[in-house]
Amino acid sequence: MRLSAPKRVTWWIAVIIGGLGILSRFMSIPIVAGHEFTFVAIGFILLVLATLLRGL
């Protein structure tokens, strides 16, 4: 299995999605409210996929 670094854009998108999930736990963000865990999980899954799949 060959791993590759994710593209910078993909990395930032995953960080922003995960960050929104974490921030929403402590602040009220209407879009994320009630789905904090889902946002963090999606950010993490995106990073894993970007590492496993070349060009993502």
Protein backbone atom coordinates (compact mmCIF):
# COMPACT_ATOMS: atom_id res chain seq x y z
CA MET A 1 0.00 0.00 0.00
CA ARG A 2 1.49 3.30 -1.09
CA LEU A 3 0.53 6.38 0.87
CA SER A 4 0.76 9.89 -0.49
CA ALA A 5 0.42 13.31 1.07
CA PRO A 6 -2.97 14.92 0.45
CA LYS A 7 -3.14 18.01 -1.70
CA ARG A 8 -3.02 21.27 0.20
CA VAL A 9 -6.61 22.19 -0.75
CA THR A 10 -7.95 18.82 0.43
CA TRP A 11 -6.05 19.14 3.69
CA TRP A 12 -7.47 22.62 4.35
CA ILE A 13 -11.02 21.52 3.55
CA ALA A 14 -10.71 18.61 6.00
CA VAL A 15 -9.26 20.89 8.69
CA ILE A 16 -12.06 23.43 8.23
CA ILE A 17 -14.78 20.75 8.38
CA GLY A 18 -13.25 19.16 11.49
CA GLY A 19 -12.63 22.56 13.06
CA LEU A 20 -16.26 23.55 12.56
CA GLY A 21 -17.32 20.36 14.33
CA ILE A 22 -15.04 21.04 17.28
CA LEU A 23 -15.93 24.73 17.47
CA SER A 24 -19.64 23.95 17.32
CA ARG A 25 -19.25 21.87 20.48
CA PHE A 26 -18.36 25.04 22.38
CA MET A 27 -20.15 27.73 20.34
CA SER A 28 -23.46 27.92 18.54
CA ILE A 29 -22.96 27.42 14.81
CA PRO A 30 -26.42 26.92 13.23
CA ILE A 31 -25.26 24.83 10.26
CA VAL A 32 -23.36 22.35 12.44
CA ALA A 33 -25.58 22.32 15.52
CA GLY A 34 -26.37 18.77 16.58
CA HIS A 35 -23.97 17.20 14.08
CA GLU A 36 -20.61 17.95 15.67
CA PHE A 37 -19.39 14.37 15.67
CA THR A 38 -20.42 13.91 12.04
CA PHE A 39 -18.40 16.95 10.94
CA VAL A 40 -15.29 15.79 12.79
CA ALA A 41 -15.69 12.26 11.39
CA ILE A 42 -16.12 13.57 7.82
CA GLY A 43 -12.98 15.69 8.17
CA PHE A 44 -11.00 12.71 9.44
CA ILE A 45 -12.34 10.36 6.75
CA LEU A 46 -11.48 12.92 4.07
CA LEU A 47 -7.89 13.06 5.34
CA VAL A 48 -7.63 9.25 5.36
CA LEU A 49 -9.02 8.98 1.83
CA ALA A 50 -6.71 11.73 0.58
CA THR A 51 -3.76 9.82 2.03
CA LEU A 52 -4.80 6.49 0.50
CA LEU A 53 -5.91 7.72 -2.93
CA ARG A 54 -3.40 9.39 -5.20
CA GLY A 55 -4.42 12.80 -6.55
CA LEU A 56 -7.06 13.67 -3.97
